[in-house]
Amino acid sequence: SNMVEIWSATAQTIGSTPLSYDFSADGAAY
């Protein structure tokens, strides 16, 4: 609602295994 849009630092592979991505980690946001 008021956050500045963020993107993953790199492209992530989506497949048959669920992906877990932690935007709160250093270097995770583009």
mmCIF file of all heavy atoms, coordinates in Angstrom:
data_MODEL
# 
_entry.id   MODEL 
# 
loop_
_atom_site.group_PDB 
_atom_site.id 
_atom_site.type_symbol 
_atom_site.label_atom_id 
_atom_site.label_alt_id 
_atom_site.label_comp_id 
_atom_site.label_asym_id 
_atom_site.label_entity_id 
_atom_site.label_seq_id 
_atom_site.pdbx_PDB_ins_code 
_atom_site.Cartn_x 
_atom_site.Cartn_y 
_atom_site.Cartn_z 
_atom_site.occupancy 
_atom_site.B_iso_or_equiv 
_atom_site.pdbx_formal_charge 
_atom_site.auth_seq_id 
_atom_site.auth_comp_id 
_atom_site.auth_asym_id 
_atom_site.auth_atom_id 
_atom_site.pdbx_PDB_model_num 
ATOM 1   N N   . SER A 1 1  ? 0.799  -1.224  0.000   1.00 0.00 ? 1  SER A N   1 
ATOM 2   C CA  . SER A 1 1  ? 0.000  0.000   0.000   1.00 0.00 ? 1  SER A CA  1 
ATOM 3   C C   . SER A 1 1  ? 0.831  1.273   0.000   1.00 0.00 ? 1  SER A C   1 
ATOM 4   O O   . SER A 1 1  ? 0.412  2.281   -0.546  1.00 0.00 ? 1  SER A O   1 
ATOM 5   C CB  . SER A 1 1  ? -0.952 0.000   1.192   1.00 0.00 ? 1  SER A CB  1 
ATOM 6   O OG  . SER A 1 1  ? -0.233 0.076   2.402   1.00 0.00 ? 1  SER A OG  1 
ATOM 7   N N   . ASN A 1 2  ? 2.002  1.247   0.622   1.00 0.00 ? 2  ASN A N   1 
ATOM 8   C CA  . ASN A 1 2  ? 2.836  2.454   0.606   1.00 0.00 ? 2  ASN A CA  1 
ATOM 9   C C   . ASN A 1 2  ? 4.318  2.143   0.459   1.00 0.00 ? 2  ASN A C   1 
ATOM 10  O O   . ASN A 1 2  ? 5.144  3.032   0.554   1.00 0.00 ? 2  ASN A O   1 
ATOM 11  C CB  . ASN A 1 2  ? 2.601  3.305   1.851   1.00 0.00 ? 2  ASN A CB  1 
ATOM 12  C CG  . ASN A 1 2  ? 3.044  2.632   3.134   1.00 0.00 ? 2  ASN A CG  1 
ATOM 13  O OD1 . ASN A 1 2  ? 3.981  1.845   3.157   1.00 0.00 ? 2  ASN A OD1 1 
ATOM 14  N ND2 . ASN A 1 2  ? 2.373  2.941   4.218   1.00 0.00 ? 2  ASN A ND2 1 
ATOM 15  N N   . MET A 1 3  ? 4.644  0.896   0.231   1.00 0.00 ? 3  MET A N   1 
ATOM 16  C CA  . MET A 1 3  ? 6.062  0.544   0.127   1.00 0.00 ? 3  MET A CA  1 
ATOM 17  C C   . MET A 1 3  ? 6.598  0.840   -1.263  1.00 0.00 ? 3  MET A C   1 
ATOM 18  O O   . MET A 1 3  ? 5.857  0.804   -2.249  1.00 0.00 ? 3  MET A O   1 
ATOM 19  C CB  . MET A 1 3  ? 6.298  -0.926  0.481   1.00 0.00 ? 3  MET A CB  1 
ATOM 20  C CG  . MET A 1 3  ? 5.781  -1.931  -0.529  1.00 0.00 ? 3  MET A CG  1 
ATOM 21  S SD  . MET A 1 3  ? 6.094  -3.652  -0.066  1.00 0.00 ? 3  MET A SD  1 
ATOM 22  C CE  . MET A 1 3  ? 7.735  -3.867  -0.716  1.00 0.00 ? 3  MET A CE  1 
ATOM 23  N N   . VAL A 1 4  ? 7.865  1.168   -1.310  1.00 0.00 ? 4  VAL A N   1 
ATOM 24  C CA  . VAL A 1 4  ? 8.538  1.341   -2.582  1.00 0.00 ? 4  VAL A CA  1 
ATOM 25  C C   . VAL A 1 4  ? 8.787  -0.062  -3.132  1.00 0.00 ? 4  VAL A C   1 
ATOM 26  O O   . VAL A 1 4  ? 9.357  -0.912  -2.458  1.00 0.00 ? 4  VAL A O   1 
ATOM 27  C CB  . VAL A 1 4  ? 9.859  2.122   -2.412  1.00 0.00 ? 4  VAL A CB  1 
ATOM 28  C CG1 . VAL A 1 4  ? 10.597 2.218   -3.730  1.00 0.00 ? 4  VAL A CG1 1 
ATOM 29  C CG2 . VAL A 1 4  ? 9.583  3.506   -1.827  1.00 0.00 ? 4  VAL A CG2 1 
ATOM 30  N N   . GLU A 1 5  ? 8.317  -0.300  -4.329  1.00 0.00 ? 5  GLU A N   1 
ATOM 31  C CA  . GLU A 1 5  ? 8.431  -1.607  -4.965  1.00 0.00 ? 5  GLU A CA  1 
ATOM 32  C C   . GLU A 1 5  ? 9.874  -2.105  -4.922  1.00 0.00 ? 5  GLU A C   1 
ATOM 33  O O   . GLU A 1 5  ? 10.807 -1.333  -5.153  1.00 0.00 ? 5  GLU A O   1 
ATOM 34  C CB  . GLU A 1 5  ? 7.969  -1.469  -6.418  1.00 0.00 ? 5  GLU A CB  1 
ATOM 35  C CG  . GLU A 1 5  ? 8.122  -2.698  -7.259  1.00 0.00 ? 5  GLU A CG  1 
ATOM 36  C CD  . GLU A 1 5  ? 7.720  -2.442  -8.700  1.00 0.00 ? 5  GLU A CD  1 
ATOM 37  O OE1 . GLU A 1 5  ? 7.865  -1.302  -9.188  1.00 0.00 ? 5  GLU A OE1 1 
ATOM 38  O OE2 . GLU A 1 5  ? 7.273  -3.394  -9.341  1.00 0.00 ? 5  GLU A OE2 1 
ATOM 39  N N   . ILE A 1 6  ? 10.052 -3.390  -4.607  1.00 0.00 ? 6  ILE A N   1 
ATOM 40  C CA  . ILE A 1 6  ? 11.385 -3.996  -4.615  1.00 0.00 ? 6  ILE A CA  1 
ATOM 41  C C   . ILE A 1 6  ? 11.393 -5.196  -5.558  1.00 0.00 ? 6  ILE A C   1 
ATOM 42  O O   . ILE A 1 6  ? 10.363 -5.824  -5.787  1.00 0.00 ? 6  ILE A O   1 
ATOM 43  C CB  . ILE A 1 6  ? 11.861 -4.412  -3.203  1.00 0.00 ? 6  ILE A CB  1 
ATOM 44  C CG1 . ILE A 1 6  ? 10.876 -5.363  -2.531  1.00 0.00 ? 6  ILE A CG1 1 
ATOM 45  C CG2 . ILE A 1 6  ? 12.120 -3.192  -2.344  1.00 0.00 ? 6  ILE A CG2 1 
ATOM 46  C CD1 . ILE A 1 6  ? 11.353 -5.898  -1.188  1.00 0.00 ? 6  ILE A CD1 1 
ATOM 47  N N   . TRP A 1 7  ? 12.571 -5.477  -6.097  1.00 0.00 ? 7  TRP A N   1 
ATOM 48  C CA  . TRP A 1 7  ? 12.781 -6.595  -7.008  1.00 0.00 ? 7  TRP A CA  1 
ATOM 49  C C   . TRP A 1 7  ? 13.880 -7.482  -6.445  1.00 0.00 ? 7  TRP A C   1 
ATOM 50  O O   . TRP A 1 7  ? 14.777 -7.001  -5.733  1.00 0.00 ? 7  TRP A O   1 
ATOM 51  C CB  . TRP A 1 7  ? 13.227 -6.091  -8.376  1.00 0.00 ? 7  TRP A CB  1 
ATOM 52  C CG  . TRP A 1 7  ? 12.136 -5.498  -9.221  1.00 0.00 ? 7  TRP A CG  1 
ATOM 53  C CD1 . TRP A 1 7  ? 11.330 -4.437  -8.894  1.00 0.00 ? 7  TRP A CD1 1 
ATOM 54  C CD2 . TRP A 1 7  ? 11.755 -5.912  -10.514 1.00 0.00 ? 7  TRP A CD2 1 
ATOM 55  N NE1 . TRP A 1 7  ? 10.472 -4.178  -9.910  1.00 0.00 ? 7  TRP A NE1 1 
ATOM 56  C CE2 . TRP A 1 7  ? 10.702 -5.067  -10.937 1.00 0.00 ? 7  TRP A CE2 1 
ATOM 57  C CE3 . TRP A 1 7  ? 12.196 -6.907  -11.365 1.00 0.00 ? 7  TRP A CE3 1 
ATOM 58  C CZ2 . TRP A 1 7  ? 10.090 -5.199  -12.168 1.00 0.00 ? 7  TRP A CZ2 1 
ATOM 59  C CZ3 . TRP A 1 7  ? 11.588 -7.036  -12.606 1.00 0.00 ? 7  TRP A CZ3 1 
ATOM 60  C CH2 . TRP A 1 7  ? 10.539 -6.192  -12.995 1.00 0.00 ? 7  TRP A CH2 1 
ATOM 61  N N   . SER A 1 8  ? 13.823 -8.759  -6.791  1.00 0.00 ? 8  SER A N   1 
ATOM 62  C CA  . SER A 1 8  ? 14.904 -9.663  -6.403  1.00 0.00 ? 8  SER A CA  1 
ATOM 63  C C   . SER A 1 8  ? 16.193 -9.211  -7.090  1.00 0.00 ? 8  SER A C   1 
ATOM 64  O O   . SER A 1 8  ? 16.166 -8.655  -8.185  1.00 0.00 ? 8  SER A O   1 
ATOM 65  C CB  . SER A 1 8  ? 14.565 -11.105 -6.784  1.00 0.00 ? 8  SER A CB  1 
ATOM 66  O OG  . SER A 1 8  ? 14.307 -11.223 -8.173  1.00 0.00 ? 8  SER A OG  1 
ATOM 67  N N   . ALA A 1 9  ? 17.314 -9.451  -6.437  1.00 0.00 ? 9  ALA A N   1 
ATOM 68  C CA  . ALA A 1 9  ? 18.613 -9.018  -6.958  1.00 0.00 ? 9  ALA A CA  1 
ATOM 69  C C   . ALA A 1 9  ? 18.943 -9.695  -8.277  1.00 0.00 ? 9  ALA A C   1 
ATOM 70  O O   . ALA A 1 9  ? 19.584 -9.105  -9.144  1.00 0.00 ? 9  ALA A O   1 
ATOM 71  C CB  . ALA A 1 9  ? 19.701 -9.287  -5.929  1.00 0.00 ? 9  ALA A CB  1 
ATOM 72  N N   . THR A 1 10 ? 18.523 -10.925 -8.412  1.00 0.00 ? 10 THR A N   1 
ATOM 73  C CA  . THR A 1 10 ? 18.773 -11.703 -9.623  1.00 0.00 ? 10 THR A CA  1 
ATOM 74  C C   . THR A 1 10 ? 17.523 -12.497 -9.963  1.00 0.00 ? 10 THR A C   1 
ATOM 75  O O   . THR A 1 10 ? 16.613 -12.643 -9.139  1.00 0.00 ? 10 THR A O   1 
ATOM 76  C CB  . THR A 1 10 ? 19.944 -12.697 -9.429  1.00 0.00 ? 10 THR A CB  1 
ATOM 77  O OG1 . THR A 1 10 ? 19.616 -13.581 -8.345  1.00 0.00 ? 10 THR A OG1 1 
ATOM 78  C CG2 . THR A 1 10 ? 21.244 -11.959 -9.127  1.00 0.00 ? 10 THR A CG2 1 
ATOM 79  N N   . ALA A 1 11 ? 17.485 -13.033 -11.174 1.00 0.00 ? 11 ALA A N   1 
ATOM 80  C CA  . ALA A 1 11 ? 16.380 -13.913 -11.554 1.00 0.00 ? 11 ALA A CA  1 
ATOM 81  C C   . ALA A 1 11 ? 16.469 -15.187 -10.716 1.00 0.00 ? 11 ALA A C   1 
ATOM 82  O O   . ALA A 1 11 ? 17.555 -15.667 -10.400 1.00 0.00 ? 11 ALA A O   1 
ATOM 83  C CB  . ALA A 1 11 ? 16.458 -14.235 -13.041 1.00 0.00 ? 11 ALA A CB  1 
ATOM 84  N N   . GLN A 1 12 ? 15.312 -15.706 -10.344 1.00 0.00 ? 12 GLN A N   1 
ATOM 85  C CA  . GLN A 1 12 ? 15.218 -16.907 -9.519  1.00 0.00 ? 12 GLN A CA  1 
ATOM 86  C C   . GLN A 1 12 ? 14.580 -18.029 -10.330 1.00 0.00 ? 12 GLN A C   1 
ATOM 87  O O   . GLN A 1 12 ? 13.679 -17.784 -11.131 1.00 0.00 ? 12 GLN A O   1 
ATOM 88  C CB  . GLN A 1 12 ? 14.378 -16.635 -8.269  1.00 0.00 ? 12 GLN A CB  1 
ATOM 89  C CG  . GLN A 1 12 ? 14.934 -15.536 -7.392  1.00 0.00 ? 12 GLN A CG  1 
ATOM 90  C CD  . GLN A 1 12 ? 16.307 -15.894 -6.856  1.00 0.00 ? 12 GLN A CD  1 
ATOM 91  O OE1 . GLN A 1 12 ? 16.486 -16.914 -6.200  1.00 0.00 ? 12 GLN A OE1 1 
ATOM 92  N NE2 . GLN A 1 12 ? 17.296 -15.048 -7.145  1.00 0.00 ? 12 GLN A NE2 1 
ATOM 93  N N   . THR A 1 13 ? 15.022 -19.247 -10.101 1.00 0.00 ? 13 THR A N   1 
ATOM 94  C CA  . THR A 1 13 ? 14.474 -20.392 -10.811 1.00 0.00 ? 13 THR A CA  1 
ATOM 95  C C   . THR A 1 13 ? 13.236 -20.897 -10.094 1.00 0.00 ? 13 THR A C   1 
ATOM 96  O O   . THR A 1 13 ? 13.266 -21.207 -8.905  1.00 0.00 ? 13 THR A O   1 
ATOM 97  C CB  . THR A 1 13 ? 15.520 -21.517 -10.918 1.00 0.00 ? 13 THR A CB  1 
ATOM 98  O OG1 . THR A 1 13 ? 16.659 -21.013 -11.619 1.00 0.00 ? 13 THR A OG1 1 
ATOM 99  C CG2 . THR A 1 13 ? 14.952 -22.717 -11.656 1.00 0.00 ? 13 THR A CG2 1 
ATOM 100 N N   . ILE A 1 14 ? 12.145 -20.933 -10.837 1.00 0.00 ? 14 ILE A N   1 
ATOM 101 C CA  . ILE A 1 14 ? 10.873 -21.456 -10.337 1.00 0.00 ? 14 ILE A CA  1 
ATOM 102 C C   . ILE A 1 14 ? 10.658 -22.805 -11.018 1.00 0.00 ? 14 ILE A C   1 
ATOM 103 O O   . ILE A 1 14 ? 10.781 -22.921 -12.239 1.00 0.00 ? 14 ILE A O   1 
ATOM 104 C CB  . ILE A 1 14 ? 9.691  -20.519 -10.692 1.00 0.00 ? 14 ILE A CB  1 
ATOM 105 C CG1 . ILE A 1 14 ? 9.944  -19.093 -10.210 1.00 0.00 ? 14 ILE A CG1 1 
ATOM 106 C CG2 . ILE A 1 14 ? 8.384  -21.071 -10.156 1.00 0.00 ? 14 ILE A CG2 1 
ATOM 107 C CD1 . ILE A 1 14 ? 9.944  -18.894 -8.736  1.00 0.00 ? 14 ILE A CD1 1 
ATOM 108 N N   . GLY A 1 15 ? 10.369 -23.814 -10.228 1.00 0.00 ? 15 GLY A N   1 
ATOM 109 C CA  . GLY A 1 15 ? 10.165 -25.143 -10.794 1.00 0.00 ? 15 GLY A CA  1 
ATOM 110 C C   . GLY A 1 15 ? 9.186  -25.933 -9.964  1.00 0.00 ? 15 GLY A C   1 
ATOM 111 O O   . GLY A 1 15 ? 8.273  -25.379 -9.354  1.00 0.00 ? 15 GLY A O   1 
ATOM 112 N N   . SER A 1 16 ? 9.394  -27.242 -9.902  1.00 0.00 ? 16 SER A N   1 
ATOM 113 C CA  . SER A 1 16 ? 8.470  -28.110 -9.166  1.00 0.00 ? 16 SER A CA  1 
ATOM 114 C C   . SER A 1 16 ? 8.694  -28.024 -7.660  1.00 0.00 ? 16 SER A C   1 
ATOM 115 O O   . SER A 1 16 ? 7.814  -28.356 -6.878  1.00 0.00 ? 16 SER A O   1 
ATOM 116 C CB  . SER A 1 16 ? 8.628  -29.562 -9.632  1.00 0.00 ? 16 SER A CB  1 
ATOM 117 O OG  . SER A 1 16 ? 9.961  -29.986 -9.434  1.00 0.00 ? 16 SER A OG  1 
ATOM 118 N N   . THR A 1 17 ? 9.864  -27.541 -7.238  1.00 0.00 ? 17 THR A N   1 
ATOM 119 C CA  . THR A 1 17 ? 10.158 -27.366 -5.816  1.00 0.00 ? 17 THR A CA  1 
ATOM 120 C C   . THR A 1 17 ? 9.801  -25.944 -5.410  1.00 0.00 ? 17 THR A C   1 
ATOM 121 O O   . THR A 1 17 ? 10.187 -24.994 -6.098  1.00 0.00 ? 17 THR A O   1 
ATOM 122 C CB  . THR A 1 17 ? 11.653 -27.609 -5.544  1.00 0.00 ? 17 THR A CB  1 
ATOM 123 O OG1 . THR A 1 17 ? 12.000 -28.898 -6.024  1.00 0.00 ? 17 THR A OG1 1 
ATOM 124 C CG2 . THR A 1 17 ? 11.962 -27.489 -4.075  1.00 0.00 ? 17 THR A CG2 1 
ATOM 125 N N   . PRO A 1 18 ? 9.082  -25.751 -4.329  1.00 0.00 ? 18 PRO A N   1 
ATOM 126 C CA  . PRO A 1 18 ? 8.735  -24.392 -3.896  1.00 0.00 ? 18 PRO A CA  1 
ATOM 127 C C   . PRO A 1 18 ? 9.993  -23.549 -3.662  1.00 0.00 ? 18 PRO A C   1 
ATOM 128 O O   . PRO A 1 18 ? 10.995 -24.039 -3.140  1.00 0.00 ? 18 PRO A O   1 
ATOM 129 C CB  . PRO A 1 18 ? 7.978  -24.607 -2.584  1.00 0.00 ? 18 PRO A CB  1 
ATOM 130 C CG  . PRO A 1 18 ? 7.465  -26.008 -2.671  1.00 0.00 ? 18 PRO A CG  1 
ATOM 131 C CD  . PRO A 1 18 ? 8.491  -26.765 -3.460  1.00 0.00 ? 18 PRO A CD  1 
ATOM 132 N N   . LEU A 1 19 ? 9.930  -22.299 -4.080  1.00 0.00 ? 19 LEU A N   1 
ATOM 133 C CA  . LEU A 1 19 ? 11.034 -21.373 -3.898  1.00 0.00 ? 19 LEU A CA  1 
ATOM 134 C C   . LEU A 1 19 ? 10.810 -20.571 -2.630  1.00 0.00 ? 19 LEU A C   1 
ATOM 135 O O   . LEU A 1 19 ? 9.711  -20.092 -2.371  1.00 0.00 ? 19 LEU A O   1 
ATOM 136 C CB  . LEU A 1 19 ? 11.121 -20.410 -5.087  1.00 0.00 ? 19 LEU A CB  1 
ATOM 137 C CG  . LEU A 1 19 ? 12.119 -19.260 -4.944  1.00 0.00 ? 19 LEU A CG  1 
ATOM 138 C CD1 . LEU A 1 19 ? 13.549 -19.784 -4.981  1.00 0.00 ? 19 LEU A CD1 1 
ATOM 139 C CD2 . LEU A 1 19 ? 11.903 -18.235 -6.030  1.00 0.00 ? 19 LEU A CD2 1 
ATOM 140 N N   . SER A 1 20 ? 11.850 -20.414 -1.852  1.00 0.00 ? 20 SER A N   1 
ATOM 141 C CA  . SER A 1 20 ? 11.830 -19.538 -0.686  1.00 0.00 ? 20 SER A CA  1 
ATOM 142 C C   . SER A 1 20 ? 12.816 -18.416 -0.958  1.00 0.00 ? 20 SER A C   1 
ATOM 143 O O   . SER A 1 20 ? 13.979 -18.678 -1.278  1.00 0.00 ? 20 SER A O   1 
ATOM 144 C CB  . SER A 1 20 ? 12.222 -20.319 0.567   1.00 0.00 ? 20 SER A CB  1 
ATOM 145 O OG  . SER A 1 20 ? 12.252 -19.466 1.680   1.00 0.00 ? 20 SER A OG  1 
ATOM 146 N N   . TYR A 1 21 ? 12.351 -17.163 -0.877  1.00 0.00 ? 21 TYR A N   1 
ATOM 147 C CA  . TYR A 1 21 ? 13.225 -16.021 -1.142  1.00 0.00 ? 21 TYR A CA  1 
ATOM 148 C C   . TYR A 1 21 ? 13.119 -15.038 0.014   1.00 0.00 ? 21 TYR A C   1 
ATOM 149 O O   . TYR A 1 21 ? 12.019 -14.651 0.399   1.00 0.00 ? 21 TYR A O   1 
ATOM 150 C CB  . TYR A 1 21 ? 12.845 -15.334 -2.461  1.00 0.00 ? 21 TYR A CB  1 
ATOM 151 C CG  . TYR A 1 21 ? 13.925 -14.401 -2.945  1.00 0.00 ? 21 TYR A CG  1 
ATOM 152 C CD1 . TYR A 1 21 ? 15.020 -14.888 -3.630  1.00 0.00 ? 21 TYR A CD1 1 
ATOM 153 C CD2 . TYR A 1 21 ? 13.867 -13.033 -2.692  1.00 0.00 ? 21 TYR A CD2 1 
ATOM 154 C CE1 . TYR A 1 21 ? 16.039 -14.049 -4.057  1.00 0.00 ? 21 TYR A CE1 1 
ATOM 155 C CE2 . TYR A 1 21 ? 14.870 -12.187 -3.122  1.00 0.00 ? 21 TYR A CE2 1 
ATOM 156 C CZ  . TYR A 1 21 ? 15.950 -12.700 -3.805  1.00 0.00 ? 21 TYR A CZ  1 
ATOM 157 O OH  . TYR A 1 21 ? 16.955 -11.860 -4.219  1.00 0.00 ? 21 TYR A OH  1 
ATOM 158 N N   . ASP A 1 22 ? 14.243 -14.641 0.565   1.00 0.00 ? 22 ASP A N   1 
ATOM 159 C CA  . ASP A 1 22 ? 14.274 -13.778 1.742   1.00 0.00 ? 22 ASP A CA  1 
ATOM 160 C C   . ASP A 1 22 ? 14.715 -12.367 1.358   1.00 0.00 ? 22 ASP A C   1 
ATOM 161 O O   . ASP A 1 22 ? 15.903 -12.090 1.257   1.00 0.00 ? 22 ASP A O   1 
ATOM 162 C CB  . ASP A 1 22 ? 15.216 -14.365 2.790   1.00 0.00 ? 22 ASP A CB  1 
ATOM 163 C CG  . ASP A 1 22 ? 15.240 -13.590 4.085   1.00 0.00 ? 22 ASP A CG  1 
ATOM 164 O OD1 . ASP A 1 22 ? 14.497 -12.590 4.207   1.00 0.00 ? 22 ASP A OD1 1 
ATOM 165 O OD2 . ASP A 1 22 ? 15.997 -13.981 4.982   1.00 0.00 ? 22 ASP A OD2 1 
ATOM 166 N N   . PHE A 1 23 ? 13.744 -11.469 1.151   1.00 0.00 ? 23 PHE A N   1 
ATOM 167 C CA  . PHE A 1 23 ? 14.060 -10.091 0.808   1.00 0.00 ? 23 PHE A CA  1 
ATOM 168 C C   . PHE A 1 23 ? 14.701 -9.343  1.967   1.00 0.00 ? 23 PHE A C   1 
ATOM 169 O O   . PHE A 1 23 ? 15.252 -8.271  1.783   1.00 0.00 ? 23 PHE A O   1 
ATOM 170 C CB  . PHE A 1 23 ? 12.798 -9.337  0.366   1.00 0.00 ? 23 PHE A CB  1 
ATOM 171 C CG  . PHE A 1 23 ? 12.496 -9.481  -1.093  1.00 0.00 ? 23 PHE A CG  1 
ATOM 172 C CD1 . PHE A 1 23 ? 11.522 -10.358 -1.523  1.00 0.00 ? 23 PHE A CD1 1 
ATOM 173 C CD2 . PHE A 1 23 ? 13.179 -8.738  -2.040  1.00 0.00 ? 23 PHE A CD2 1 
ATOM 174 C CE1 . PHE A 1 23 ? 11.231 -10.492 -2.869  1.00 0.00 ? 23 PHE A CE1 1 
ATOM 175 C CE2 . PHE A 1 23 ? 12.906 -8.857  -3.390  1.00 0.00 ? 23 PHE A CE2 1 
ATOM 176 C CZ  . PHE A 1 23 ? 11.925 -9.736  -3.811  1.00 0.00 ? 23 PHE A CZ  1 
ATOM 177 N N   . SER A 1 24 ? 14.619 -9.881  3.183   1.00 0.00 ? 24 SER A N   1 
ATOM 178 C CA  . SER A 1 24 ? 15.174 -9.172  4.336   1.00 0.00 ? 24 SER A CA  1 
ATOM 179 C C   . SER A 1 24 ? 16.669 -9.423  4.516   1.00 0.00 ? 24 SER A C   1 
ATOM 180 O O   . SER A 1 24 ? 17.289 -8.869  5.411   1.00 0.00 ? 24 SER A O   1 
ATOM 181 C CB  . SER A 1 24 ? 14.426 -9.543  5.616   1.00 0.00 ? 24 SER A CB  1 
ATOM 182 O OG  . SER A 1 24 ? 14.697 -10.880 5.980   1.00 0.00 ? 24 SER A OG  1 
ATOM 183 N N   . ALA A 1 25 ? 17.269 -10.224 3.645   1.00 0.00 ? 25 ALA A N   1 
ATOM 184 C CA  . ALA A 1 25 ? 18.704 -10.519 3.737   1.00 0.00 ? 25 ALA A CA  1 
ATOM 185 C C   . ALA A 1 25 ? 19.518 -9.490  2.949   1.00 0.00 ? 25 ALA A C   1 
ATOM 186 O O   . ALA A 1 25 ? 19.054 -8.946  1.943   1.00 0.00 ? 25 ALA A O   1 
ATOM 187 C CB  . ALA A 1 25 ? 18.986 -11.919 3.198   1.00 0.00 ? 25 ALA A CB  1 
ATOM 188 N N   . ASP A 1 26 ? 20.723 -9.220  3.395   1.00 0.00 ? 26 ASP A N   1 
ATOM 189 C CA  . ASP A 1 26 ? 21.614 -8.288  2.724   1.00 0.00 ? 26 ASP A CA  1 
ATOM 190 C C   . ASP A 1 26 ? 21.862 -8.763  1.291   1.00 0.00 ? 26 ASP A C   1 
ATOM 191 O O   . ASP A 1 26 ? 22.194 -9.914  1.052   1.00 0.00 ? 26 ASP A O   1 
ATOM 192 C CB  . ASP A 1 26 ? 22.934 -8.197  3.494   1.00 0.00 ? 26 ASP A CB  1 
ATOM 193 C CG  . ASP A 1 26 ? 23.831 -7.077  2.992   1.00 0.00 ? 26 ASP A CG  1 
ATOM 194 O OD1 . ASP A 1 26 ? 23.343 -6.197  2.256   1.00 0.00 ? 26 ASP A OD1 1 
ATOM 195 O OD2 . ASP A 1 26 ? 25.019 -7.093  3.341   1.00 0.00 ? 26 ASP A OD2 1 
ATOM 196 N N   . GLY A 1 27 ? 21.690 -7.877  0.326   1.00 0.00 ? 27 GLY A N   1 
ATOM 197 C CA  . GLY A 1 27 ? 21.941 -8.189  -1.073  1.00 0.00 ? 27 GLY A CA  1 
ATOM 198 C C   . GLY A 1 27 ? 20.811 -8.892  -1.790  1.00 0.00 ? 27 GLY A C   1 
ATOM 199 O O   . GLY A 1 27 ? 20.947 -9.234  -2.959  1.00 0.00 ? 27 GLY A O   1 
ATOM 200 N N   . ALA A 1 28 ? 19.681 -9.114  -1.126  1.00 0.00 ? 28 ALA A N   1 
ATOM 201 C CA  . ALA A 1 28 ? 18.576 -9.843  -1.748  1.00 0.00 ? 28 ALA A CA  1 
ATOM 202 C C   . ALA A 1 28 ? 17.753 -8.979  -2.699  1.00 0.00 ? 28 ALA A C   1 
ATOM 203 O O   . ALA A 1 28 ? 17.144 -9.491  -3.622  1.00 0.00 ? 28 ALA A O   1 
ATOM 204 C CB  . ALA A 1 28 ? 17.656 -10.435 -0.677  1.00 0.00 ? 28 ALA A CB  1 
ATOM 205 N N   . ALA A 1 29 ? 17.732 -7.672  -2.461  1.00 0.00 ? 29 ALA A N   1 
ATOM 206 C CA  . ALA A 1 29 ? 16.945 -6.765  -3.303  1.00 0.00 ? 29 ALA A CA  1 
ATOM 207 C C   . ALA A 1 29 ? 17.821 -6.146  -4.383  1.00 0.00 ? 29 ALA A C   1 
ATOM 208 O O   . ALA A 1 29 ? 18.974 -5.783  -4.141  1.00 0.00 ? 29 ALA A O   1 
ATOM 209 C CB  . ALA A 1 29 ? 16.301 -5.684  -2.450  1.00 0.00 ? 29 ALA A CB  1 
ATOM 210 N N   . TYR A 1 30 ? 17.254 -6.015  -5.571  1.00 0.00 ? 30 TYR A N   1 
ATOM 211 C CA  . TYR A 1 30 ? 17.971 -5.420  -6.690  1.00 0.00 ? 30 TYR A CA  1 
ATOM 212 C C   . TYR A 1 30 ? 18.317 -3.968  -6.372  1.00 0.00 ? 30 TYR A C   1 
ATOM 213 O O   . TYR A 1 30 ? 17.521 -3.234  -5.793  1.00 0.00 ? 30 TYR A O   1 
ATOM 214 C CB  . TYR A 1 30 ? 17.113 -5.475  -7.964  1.00 0.00 ? 30 TYR A CB  1 
ATOM 215 C CG  . TYR A 1 30 ? 17.801 -4.834  -9.127  1.00 0.00 ? 30 TYR A CG  1 
ATOM 216 C CD1 . TYR A 1 30 ? 18.729 -5.547  -9.880  1.00 0.00 ? 30 TYR A CD1 1 
ATOM 217 C CD2 . TYR A 1 30 ? 17.574 -3.505  -9.447  1.00 0.00 ? 30 TYR A CD2 1 
ATOM 218 C CE1 . TYR A 1 30 ? 19.395 -4.956  -10.928 1.00 0.00 ? 30 TYR A CE1 1 
ATOM 219 C CE2 . TYR A 1 30 ? 18.239 -2.902  -10.503 1.00 0.00 ? 30 TYR A CE2 1 
ATOM 220 C CZ  . TYR A 1 30 ? 19.141 -3.629  -11.235 1.00 0.00 ? 30 TYR A CZ  1 
ATOM 221 O OH  . TYR A 1 30 ? 19.820 -3.032  -12.271 1.00 0.00 ? 30 TYR A OH  1 
# 
